[in-house]
Amino acid sequence: MMFRLRGFNLNLLVVAVLASASACGCGTTVERKQKKEMTLLRLHLETSSDKVPYTSNVSVLRASPIQMVIHNQSFLDERSIIEAALVDLGHGFAIQLQFDQRGRFHLETITQAARGQRIAIFSEFGEMRWLAAVKIVQTVTDGILTFTPDASREEAERIVRGLNNFKRRQNKTEHFPEKS
């Protein structure tokens, strides 16, 4: 017994299935690429002399550079960031970093002890750059550091996205450690 479906096009069915599969949440190439972006961020404390061991001279800001002597060892990095956000100011934008308990403690300790000095902020977001030199004018007790970066809005969005992606990936690996 043989029967045949008239008007049934197998090629059309395959195309329809593939189209619906690709439209159901796989995301565009740009979105997938953005989800993989990672940003490294380091906070270094200014020191008074380059004669101290383990220091470096750096130039922060591109338009009007500020020369600083900093400790080579950062006191905070991206691992302590809970969330990064791009904040709109009336005249521009800023990056806001919220630190975890460890980061909050270090930020409070440093800003209390080093009032009047600056924090040099370095980032690698596809490009390596010193983003800011934040003057310490008061103790930061809430674990939130906001600064205006030496970056375009698109670069700042990339930095924030990369920091948040890093945190999401860090949370996944903490909950599901890789098997040896």
N, C-alpha and C. Protein backbone atom coordinates (compact mmCIF):
# COMPACT_ATOMS: atom_id res chain seq x y z
N MET A 1 0.85 -1.16 0.00
CA MET A 1 0.00 0.00 0.00
C MET A 1 0.90 1.23 0.00
N MET A 2 0.75 2.07 -0.97
CA MET A 2 1.53 3.29 -1.09
C MET A 2 0.59 4.48 -1.10
N PHE A 3 1.01 5.51 -0.43
CA PHE A 3 0.23 6.73 -0.53
C PHE A 3 1.21 7.89 -0.57
N ARG A 4 0.77 8.94 -1.14
CA ARG A 4 1.63 10.08 -1.40
C ARG A 4 0.92 11.36 -0.97
N LEU A 5 1.65 12.21 -0.28
CA LEU A 5 1.07 13.48 0.11
C LEU A 5 1.27 14.46 -1.02
N ARG A 6 0.21 14.95 -1.53
CA ARG A 6 0.31 15.92 -2.62
C ARG A 6 0.56 17.32 -2.05
N GLY A 7 1.43 18.03 -2.71
CA GLY A 7 1.70 19.41 -2.33
C GLY A 7 2.62 19.55 -1.11
N PHE A 8 3.17 18.47 -0.64
CA PHE A 8 4.05 18.52 0.53
C PHE A 8 5.49 18.69 0.05
N ASN A 9 6.13 19.73 0.53
CA ASN A 9 7.49 20.03 0.10
C ASN A 9 8.43 19.82 1.29
N LEU A 10 9.24 18.79 1.20
CA LEU A 10 10.15 18.44 2.28
C LEU A 10 11.20 19.54 2.50
N ASN A 11 11.66 20.15 1.44
CA ASN A 11 12.65 21.23 1.56
C ASN A 11 12.08 22.41 2.33
N LEU A 12 10.83 22.73 2.07
CA LEU A 12 10.18 23.83 2.77
C LEU A 12 10.08 23.53 4.27
N LEU A 13 9.79 22.29 4.61
CA LEU A 13 9.71 21.88 6.01
C LEU A 13 11.06 22.05 6.71
N VAL A 14 12.13 21.63 6.07
CA VAL A 14 13.47 21.75 6.64
C VAL A 14 13.82 23.22 6.87
N VAL A 15 13.54 24.07 5.89
CA VAL A 15 13.83 25.50 6.02
C VAL A 15 13.01 26.10 7.16
N ALA A 16 11.75 25.73 7.27
CA ALA A 16 10.89 26.26 8.33
C ALA A 16 11.40 25.85 9.72
N VAL A 17 11.81 24.60 9.86
CA VAL A 17 12.32 24.12 11.14
C VAL A 17 13.61 24.85 11.51
N LEU A 18 14.51 25.00 10.56
CA LEU A 18 15.77 25.71 10.83
C LEU A 18 15.53 27.17 11.17
N ALA A 19 14.62 27.81 10.47
CA ALA A 19 14.31 29.21 10.74
C ALA A 19 13.72 29.39 12.13
N SER A 20 12.82 28.51 12.51
CA SER A 20 12.22 28.65 13.84
C SER A 20 13.24 28.33 14.94
N ALA A 21 14.14 27.40 14.69
CA ALA A 21 15.16 27.07 15.68
C ALA A 21 16.13 28.23 15.87
N SER A 22 16.48 28.91 14.80
CA SER A 22 17.42 30.02 14.92
C SER A 22 16.76 31.25 15.52
N ALA A 23 15.46 31.37 15.39
CA ALA A 23 14.77 32.53 15.93
C ALA A 23 14.40 32.37 17.40
N CYS A 24 14.56 31.19 17.95
CA CYS A 24 14.07 30.95 19.31
C CYS A 24 15.14 31.13 20.37
N GLY A 25 15.82 32.28 20.38
CA GLY A 25 16.66 32.59 21.51
C GLY A 25 18.13 32.32 21.36
N CYS A 26 18.59 31.99 20.20
CA CYS A 26 20.02 31.75 20.05
C CYS A 26 20.79 33.06 20.08
N GLY A 27 20.15 34.15 19.75
CA GLY A 27 20.79 35.45 19.76
C GLY A 27 21.59 35.70 18.50
N THR A 28 21.84 36.96 18.25
CA THR A 28 22.62 37.31 17.08
C THR A 28 24.09 37.07 17.37
N THR A 29 24.87 37.12 16.34
CA THR A 29 26.31 36.96 16.49
C THR A 29 26.88 38.04 17.40
N VAL A 30 26.38 39.26 17.27
CA VAL A 30 26.86 40.37 18.10
C VAL A 30 26.53 40.11 19.57
N GLU A 31 25.31 39.66 19.84
CA GLU A 31 24.91 39.38 21.22
C GLU A 31 25.75 38.26 21.83
N ARG A 32 26.00 37.23 21.05
CA ARG A 32 26.83 36.13 21.55
C ARG A 32 28.25 36.60 21.83
N LYS A 33 28.77 37.44 20.95
CA LYS A 33 30.11 37.97 21.14
C LYS A 33 30.17 38.85 22.39
N GLN A 34 29.13 39.68 22.59
CA GLN A 34 29.09 40.56 23.75
C GLN A 34 29.02 39.77 25.05
N LYS A 35 28.34 38.63 25.04
CA LYS A 35 28.23 37.81 26.25
C LYS A 35 29.57 37.18 26.63
N LYS A 36 30.49 37.09 25.68
CA LYS A 36 31.81 36.50 25.94
C LYS A 36 32.85 37.55 26.33
N GLU A 37 32.53 38.83 26.17
CA GLU A 37 33.49 39.88 26.48
C GLU A 37 33.81 39.90 27.97
N MET A 38 35.08 40.04 28.28
CA MET A 38 35.53 40.11 29.67
C MET A 38 36.37 41.38 29.84
N THR A 39 36.28 41.96 31.00
CA THR A 39 37.06 43.15 31.31
C THR A 39 37.86 42.91 32.58
N LEU A 40 39.11 43.28 32.54
CA LEU A 40 39.95 43.25 33.74
C LEU A 40 40.04 44.68 34.26
N LEU A 41 40.03 44.84 35.56
CA LEU A 41 40.08 46.17 36.16
C LEU A 41 40.95 46.10 37.41
N ARG A 42 41.87 47.04 37.54
CA ARG A 42 42.79 47.06 38.69
C ARG A 42 42.80 48.45 39.31
N LEU A 43 42.76 48.51 40.63
CA LEU A 43 42.86 49.76 41.36
C LEU A 43 44.20 49.80 42.07
N HIS A 44 44.99 50.82 41.75
CA HIS A 44 46.34 50.98 42.32
C HIS A 44 46.38 52.26 43.13
N LEU A 45 47.06 52.23 44.25
CA LEU A 45 47.18 53.40 45.10
C LEU A 45 48.42 54.20 44.73
N GLU A 46 48.25 55.51 44.69
CA GLU A 46 49.36 56.41 44.45
C GLU A 46 50.30 56.37 45.65
N THR A 47 51.58 56.49 45.38
CA THR A 47 52.57 56.55 46.45
C THR A 47 53.36 57.84 46.29
N SER A 48 54.04 58.25 47.33
CA SER A 48 54.70 59.55 47.32
C SER A 48 56.05 59.56 46.62
N SER A 49 56.68 58.41 46.45
CA SER A 49 58.02 58.39 45.89
C SER A 49 58.24 57.20 44.98
N ASP A 50 58.98 57.44 43.90
CA ASP A 50 59.32 56.33 43.01
C ASP A 50 60.57 55.60 43.49
N LYS A 51 61.12 56.04 44.60
CA LYS A 51 62.31 55.39 45.15
C LYS A 51 61.93 54.18 46.00
N VAL A 52 60.66 54.04 46.28
CA VAL A 52 60.16 52.88 47.03
C VAL A 52 60.15 51.69 46.07
N PRO A 53 60.59 50.50 46.53
CA PRO A 53 60.55 49.34 45.64
C PRO A 53 59.11 49.00 45.22
N TYR A 54 58.99 48.37 44.10
CA TYR A 54 57.70 47.90 43.58
C TYR A 54 56.74 49.03 43.24
N THR A 55 57.27 50.08 42.64
CA THR A 55 56.43 51.17 42.17
C THR A 55 56.66 51.38 40.68
N SER A 56 55.73 52.09 40.05
CA SER A 56 55.85 52.41 38.63
C SER A 56 55.37 53.83 38.39
N ASN A 57 55.95 54.46 37.39
CA ASN A 57 55.46 55.75 36.92
C ASN A 57 54.46 55.48 35.81
N VAL A 58 53.27 56.06 35.92
CA VAL A 58 52.25 55.87 34.90
C VAL A 58 51.67 57.22 34.49
N SER A 59 51.14 57.24 33.29
CA SER A 59 50.47 58.43 32.77
C SER A 59 48.99 58.10 32.62
N VAL A 60 48.17 58.80 33.39
CA VAL A 60 46.73 58.55 33.39
C VAL A 60 46.05 59.69 32.65
N LEU A 61 45.08 59.37 31.85
CA LEU A 61 44.30 60.27 31.00
C LEU A 61 45.08 60.61 29.73
N ARG A 62 44.37 60.64 28.64
CA ARG A 62 45.03 60.86 27.35
C ARG A 62 45.04 62.32 26.94
N ALA A 63 43.94 63.03 27.14
CA ALA A 63 43.84 64.42 26.68
C ALA A 63 44.79 65.33 27.45
N SER A 64 44.75 65.27 28.77
CA SER A 64 45.69 66.04 29.60
C SER A 64 46.26 65.08 30.64
N PRO A 65 47.37 64.42 30.27
CA PRO A 65 47.92 63.35 31.11
C PRO A 65 48.34 63.81 32.51
N ILE A 66 48.11 62.94 33.46
CA ILE A 66 48.54 63.13 34.84
C ILE A 66 49.60 62.07 35.10
N GLN A 67 50.78 62.51 35.53
CA GLN A 67 51.86 61.58 35.86
C GLN A 67 51.70 61.16 37.32
N MET A 68 51.75 59.87 37.56
CA MET A 68 51.60 59.34 38.92
C MET A 68 52.62 58.26 39.19
N VAL A 69 53.00 58.13 40.44
CA VAL A 69 53.80 57.00 40.90
C VAL A 69 52.85 56.12 41.70
N ILE A 70 52.74 54.86 41.29
CA ILE A 70 51.78 53.96 41.94
C ILE A 70 52.47 52.70 42.44
N HIS A 71 51.82 52.03 43.37
CA HIS A 71 52.25 50.70 43.79
C HIS A 71 51.95 49.74 42.65
N ASN A 72 52.90 48.87 42.32
CA ASN A 72 52.67 47.89 41.25
C ASN A 72 51.54 46.93 41.58
N GLN A 73 51.44 46.55 42.83
CA GLN A 73 50.41 45.61 43.26
C GLN A 73 49.08 46.35 43.43
N SER A 74 48.05 45.88 42.74
CA SER A 74 46.73 46.50 42.90
C SER A 74 46.15 46.10 44.25
N PHE A 75 45.32 46.97 44.82
CA PHE A 75 44.69 46.62 46.09
C PHE A 75 43.28 46.07 45.88
N LEU A 76 42.70 46.28 44.71
CA LEU A 76 41.41 45.69 44.34
C LEU A 76 41.42 45.38 42.86
N ASP A 77 40.61 44.38 42.47
CA ASP A 77 40.47 44.05 41.06
C ASP A 77 39.05 43.57 40.76
N GLU A 78 38.84 43.09 39.54
CA GLU A 78 37.50 42.71 39.07
C GLU A 78 36.87 41.57 39.87
N ARG A 79 37.66 40.78 40.56
CA ARG A 79 37.11 39.67 41.34
C ARG A 79 36.26 40.13 42.51
N SER A 80 36.48 41.36 42.98
CA SER A 80 35.73 41.88 44.13
C SER A 80 34.51 42.70 43.72
N ILE A 81 34.27 42.85 42.43
CA ILE A 81 33.14 43.66 41.97
C ILE A 81 31.88 42.81 41.90
N ILE A 82 30.84 43.27 42.58
CA ILE A 82 29.53 42.60 42.52
C ILE A 82 28.80 43.02 41.26
N GLU A 83 28.83 44.33 40.99
CA GLU A 83 28.11 44.84 39.82
C GLU A 83 28.77 46.13 39.34
N ALA A 84 28.75 46.30 38.04
CA ALA A 84 29.22 47.54 37.42
C ALA A 84 28.04 48.14 36.67
N ALA A 85 27.99 49.47 36.65
CA ALA A 85 26.89 50.14 35.96
C ALA A 85 27.40 51.42 35.31
N LEU A 86 26.75 51.79 34.22
CA LEU A 86 27.02 53.06 33.57
C LEU A 86 25.97 54.03 34.08
N VAL A 87 26.41 55.11 34.70
CA VAL A 87 25.51 56.07 35.33
C VAL A 87 25.50 57.35 34.50
N ASP A 88 24.30 57.83 34.17
CA ASP A 88 24.18 59.09 33.45
C ASP A 88 24.26 60.25 34.42
N LEU A 89 25.14 61.18 34.12
CA LEU A 89 25.24 62.42 34.87
C LEU A 89 24.63 63.50 33.98
N GLY A 90 24.34 64.63 34.51
CA GLY A 90 23.75 65.69 33.69
C GLY A 90 24.65 66.11 32.54
N HIS A 91 25.95 66.05 32.73
CA HIS A 91 26.92 66.52 31.75
C HIS A 91 27.70 65.39 31.08
N GLY A 92 27.37 64.16 31.38
CA GLY A 92 28.11 63.04 30.79
C GLY A 92 27.71 61.72 31.43
N PHE A 93 28.69 60.88 31.67
CA PHE A 93 28.43 59.56 32.25
C PHE A 93 29.60 59.17 33.15
N ALA A 94 29.35 58.18 33.98
CA ALA A 94 30.38 57.66 34.87
C ALA A 94 30.20 56.16 35.01
N ILE A 95 31.24 55.49 35.43
CA ILE A 95 31.16 54.07 35.74
C ILE A 95 31.06 53.94 37.25
N GLN A 96 30.10 53.14 37.69
CA GLN A 96 29.90 52.91 39.12
C GLN A 96 30.20 51.44 39.42
N LEU A 97 31.06 51.22 40.39
CA LEU A 97 31.44 49.87 40.79
C LEU A 97 30.94 49.60 42.20
N GLN A 98 30.27 48.47 42.36
CA GLN A 98 29.83 48.05 43.70
C GLN A 98 30.67 46.84 44.08
N PHE A 99 31.34 46.93 45.23
CA PHE A 99 32.25 45.87 45.66
C PHE A 99 31.60 44.94 46.68
N ASP A 100 32.10 43.72 46.72
CA ASP A 100 31.65 42.73 47.70
C ASP A 100 32.21 43.10 49.08
N GLN A 101 31.95 42.26 50.06
CA GLN A 101 32.36 42.56 51.44
C GLN A 101 33.87 42.76 51.56
N ARG A 102 34.64 41.90 50.92
CA ARG A 102 36.10 42.02 50.95
C ARG A 102 36.54 43.33 50.29
N GLY A 103 35.98 43.61 49.12
CA GLY A 103 36.33 44.83 48.40
C GLY A 103 35.91 46.08 49.15
N ARG A 104 34.74 46.00 49.76
CA ARG A 104 34.25 47.13 50.56
C ARG A 104 35.21 47.42 51.71
N PHE A 105 35.67 46.37 52.38
CA PHE A 105 36.61 46.53 53.48
C PHE A 105 37.91 47.17 53.00
N HIS A 106 38.47 46.66 51.90
CA HIS A 106 39.73 47.21 51.38
C HIS A 106 39.56 48.65 50.92
N LEU A 107 38.46 48.94 50.25
CA LEU A 107 38.22 50.30 49.77
C LEU A 107 38.08 51.27 50.95
N GLU A 108 37.36 50.85 51.97
CA GLU A 108 37.20 51.70 53.16
C GLU A 108 38.54 51.92 53.85
N THR A 109 39.32 50.87 54.01
CA THR A 109 40.62 50.97 54.67
C THR A 109 41.56 51.89 53.91
N ILE A 110 41.64 51.71 52.61
CA ILE A 110 42.55 52.52 51.78
C ILE A 110 42.11 53.98 51.77
N THR A 111 40.81 54.23 51.57
CA THR A 111 40.35 55.62 51.48
C THR A 111 40.44 56.34 52.83
N GLN A 112 40.41 55.59 53.91
CA GLN A 112 40.57 56.21 55.22
C GLN A 112 42.04 56.54 55.49
N ALA A 113 42.93 55.64 55.12
CA ALA A 113 44.36 55.82 55.41
C ALA A 113 45.08 56.73 54.41
N ALA A 114 44.58 56.82 53.20
CA ALA A 114 45.32 57.52 52.14
C ALA A 114 44.59 58.77 51.63
N ARG A 115 43.88 59.43 52.51
CA ARG A 115 43.16 60.64 52.11
C ARG A 115 44.12 61.66 51.49
N GLY A 116 43.70 62.24 50.37
CA GLY A 116 44.54 63.20 49.66
C GLY A 116 45.32 62.58 48.52
N GLN A 117 45.50 61.27 48.55
CA GLN A 117 46.18 60.59 47.45
C GLN A 117 45.16 60.22 46.38
N ARG A 118 45.63 59.57 45.33
CA ARG A 118 44.74 59.18 44.23
C ARG A 118 44.76 57.67 44.02
N ILE A 119 43.67 57.21 43.44
CA ILE A 119 43.56 55.81 43.02
C ILE A 119 43.64 55.81 41.51
N ALA A 120 44.62 55.10 40.96
CA ALA A 120 44.74 54.96 39.51
C ALA A 120 43.97 53.71 39.10
N ILE A 121 43.09 53.87 38.12
CA ILE A 121 42.25 52.75 37.69
C ILE A 121 42.69 52.31 36.30
N PHE A 122 43.11 51.05 36.21
CA PHE A 122 43.58 50.46 34.96
C PHE A 122 42.56 49.43 34.48
N SER A 123 42.37 49.37 33.17
CA SER A 123 41.44 48.38 32.62
C SER A 123 41.99 47.78 31.33
N GLU A 124 41.65 46.53 31.13
CA GLU A 124 41.91 45.85 29.86
C GLU A 124 40.57 45.34 29.36
N PHE A 125 40.12 45.95 28.27
CA PHE A 125 38.80 45.62 27.73
C PHE A 125 38.89 45.42 26.22
N GLY A 126 39.92 44.75 25.79
CA GLY A 126 40.23 44.66 24.37
C GLY A 126 41.36 45.63 24.05
N GLU A 127 41.52 46.59 24.89
CA GLU A 127 42.57 47.60 24.83
C GLU A 127 43.01 47.83 26.27
N MET A 128 44.30 48.07 26.48
CA MET A 128 44.80 48.31 27.83
C MET A 128 44.94 49.82 28.03
N ARG A 129 44.31 50.32 29.12
CA ARG A 129 44.32 51.76 29.32
C ARG A 129 44.13 52.12 30.79
N TRP A 130 44.79 53.21 31.19
CA TRP A 130 44.54 53.82 32.49
C TRP A 130 43.30 54.69 32.31
N LEU A 131 42.25 54.39 33.06
CA LEU A 131 40.96 55.04 32.86
C LEU A 131 40.77 56.30 33.69
N ALA A 132 41.32 56.33 34.89
CA ALA A 132 41.03 57.46 35.77
C ALA A 132 42.05 57.56 36.89
N ALA A 133 42.10 58.75 37.47
CA ALA A 133 42.89 59.01 38.68
C ALA A 133 41.93 59.68 39.66
N VAL A 134 41.37 58.89 40.55
CA VAL A 134 40.35 59.38 41.47
C VAL A 134 41.02 59.88 42.75
N LYS A 135 40.80 61.15 43.06
CA LYS A 135 41.36 61.73 44.29
C LYS A 135 40.52 61.28 45.48
N ILE A 136 41.19 60.84 46.52
CA ILE A 136 40.51 60.38 47.73
C ILE A 136 40.24 61.60 48.61
N VAL A 137 38.97 62.00 48.69
CA VAL A 137 38.60 63.16 49.50
C VAL A 137 37.84 62.77 50.76
N GLN A 138 37.31 61.55 50.78
CA GLN A 138 36.60 61.07 51.97
C GLN A 138 36.65 59.55 52.01
N THR A 139 36.34 59.00 53.15
CA THR A 139 36.32 57.56 53.31
C THR A 139 35.10 56.99 52.60
N VAL A 140 35.31 55.97 51.79
CA VAL A 140 34.21 55.31 51.09
C VAL A 140 33.76 54.15 51.97
N THR A 141 32.59 54.29 52.57
CA THR A 141 32.11 53.29 53.52
C THR A 141 31.04 52.37 52.94
N ASP A 142 30.45 52.75 51.80
CA ASP A 142 29.35 51.94 51.25
C ASP A 142 29.81 50.93 50.20
N GLY A 143 31.10 50.90 49.88
CA GLY A 143 31.61 49.94 48.90
C GLY A 143 31.30 50.30 47.47
N ILE A 144 30.93 51.55 47.21
CA ILE A 144 30.60 51.99 45.85
C ILE A 144 31.59 53.07 45.43
N LEU A 145 32.24 52.83 44.31
CA LEU A 145 33.19 53.78 43.74
C LEU A 145 32.67 54.22 42.38
N THR A 146 32.51 55.52 42.21
CA THR A 146 32.02 56.08 40.95
C THR A 146 33.11 56.98 40.38
N PHE A 147 33.41 56.81 39.09
CA PHE A 147 34.44 57.63 38.46
C PHE A 147 34.08 57.89 37.00
N THR A 148 34.60 59.00 36.49
CA THR A 148 34.42 59.34 35.09
C THR A 148 35.62 58.78 34.33
N PRO A 149 35.39 57.83 33.43
CA PRO A 149 36.51 57.19 32.74
C PRO A 149 37.02 58.01 31.56
N ASP A 150 38.27 57.82 31.25
CA ASP A 150 38.86 58.38 30.03
C ASP A 150 38.52 57.41 28.90
N ALA A 151 37.25 57.44 28.49
CA ALA A 151 36.75 56.49 27.49
C ALA A 151 35.50 57.08 26.83
N SER A 152 35.24 56.64 25.62
CA SER A 152 33.99 57.02 24.96
C SER A 152 32.84 56.28 25.63
N ARG A 153 31.63 56.68 25.34
CA ARG A 153 30.46 56.00 25.92
C ARG A 153 30.44 54.53 25.50
N GLU A 154 30.75 54.25 24.23
CA GLU A 154 30.77 52.88 23.73
C GLU A 154 31.81 52.05 24.47
N GLU A 155 32.99 52.64 24.69
CA GLU A 155 34.04 51.93 25.43
C GLU A 155 33.61 51.69 26.88
N ALA A 156 32.96 52.68 27.48
CA ALA A 156 32.49 52.52 28.86
C ALA A 156 31.43 51.43 28.95
N GLU A 157 30.53 51.37 27.96
CA GLU A 157 29.53 50.30 27.92
C GLU A 157 30.20 48.94 27.81
N ARG A 158 31.24 48.86 27.00
CA ARG A 158 32.00 47.62 26.82
C ARG A 158 32.68 47.21 28.13
N ILE A 159 33.25 48.18 28.83
CA ILE A 159 33.92 47.91 30.11
C ILE A 159 32.92 47.37 31.13
N VAL A 160 31.78 48.04 31.25
CA VAL A 160 30.75 47.63 32.21
C VAL A 160 30.21 46.24 31.86
N ARG A 161 29.93 46.03 30.58
CA ARG A 161 29.41 44.72 30.13
C ARG A 161 30.43 43.61 30.45
N GLY A 162 31.70 43.89 30.17
CA GLY A 162 32.75 42.90 30.43
C GLY A 162 32.92 42.58 31.91
N LEU A 163 32.78 43.59 32.77
CA LEU A 163 32.87 43.35 34.21
C LEU A 163 31.70 42.51 34.70
N ASN A 164 30.50 42.82 34.22
CA ASN A 164 29.32 42.05 34.62
C ASN A 164 29.38 40.63 34.07
N ASN A 165 29.89 40.46 32.84
CA ASN A 165 30.08 39.11 32.28
C ASN A 165 31.08 38.32 33.12
N PHE A 166 32.15 38.98 33.54
CA PHE A 166 33.16 38.33 34.38
C PHE A 166 32.52 37.83 35.66
N LYS A 167 31.69 38.66 36.28
CA LYS A 167 31.05 38.28 37.54
C LYS A 167 30.10 37.10 37.33
N ARG A 168 29.33 37.12 36.24
CA ARG A 168 28.42 36.00 35.96
C ARG A 168 29.22 34.70 35.77
N ARG A 169 30.30 34.77 35.03
CA ARG A 169 31.13 33.58 34.81
C ARG A 169 31.77 33.13 36.11
N GLN A 170 32.21 34.07 36.93
CA GLN A 170 32.81 33.74 38.22
C GLN A 170 31.78 33.04 39.11
N ASN A 171 30.55 33.52 39.12
CA ASN A 171 29.50 32.88 39.92
C ASN A 171 29.21 31.47 39.44
N LYS A 172 29.21 31.26 38.13
CA LYS A 172 28.96 29.92 37.59
C LYS A 172 30.05 28.94 38.01
N THR A 173 31.30 29.37 37.96
CA THR A 173 32.39 28.46 38.30
C THR A 173 32.45 28.20 39.80
N GLU A 174 31.96 29.14 40.62
CA GLU A 174 31.92 28.90 42.06
C GLU A 174 30.88 27.84 42.40
N HIS A 175 29.76 27.84 41.67
CA HIS A 175 28.68 26.89 41.95
C HIS A 175 28.92 25.54 41.30
N PHE A 176 29.58 25.54 40.15
CA PHE A 176 29.82 24.30 39.41
C PHE A 176 31.30 24.19 39.08
N PRO A 177 32.12 23.77 40.03
CA PRO A 177 33.56 23.68 39.74
C PRO A 177 33.83 22.63 38.67
N GLU A 178 34.84 22.92 37.86
CA GLU A 178 35.21 21.99 36.79
C GLU A 178 35.81 20.74 37.40
N LYS A 179 35.53 19.60 36.76
CA LYS A 179 36.08 18.33 37.23
C LYS A 179 37.51 18.19 36.75
N SER A 180 38.35 17.62 37.59
CA SER A 180 39.76 17.44 37.24
C SER A 180 39.94 16.20 36.41
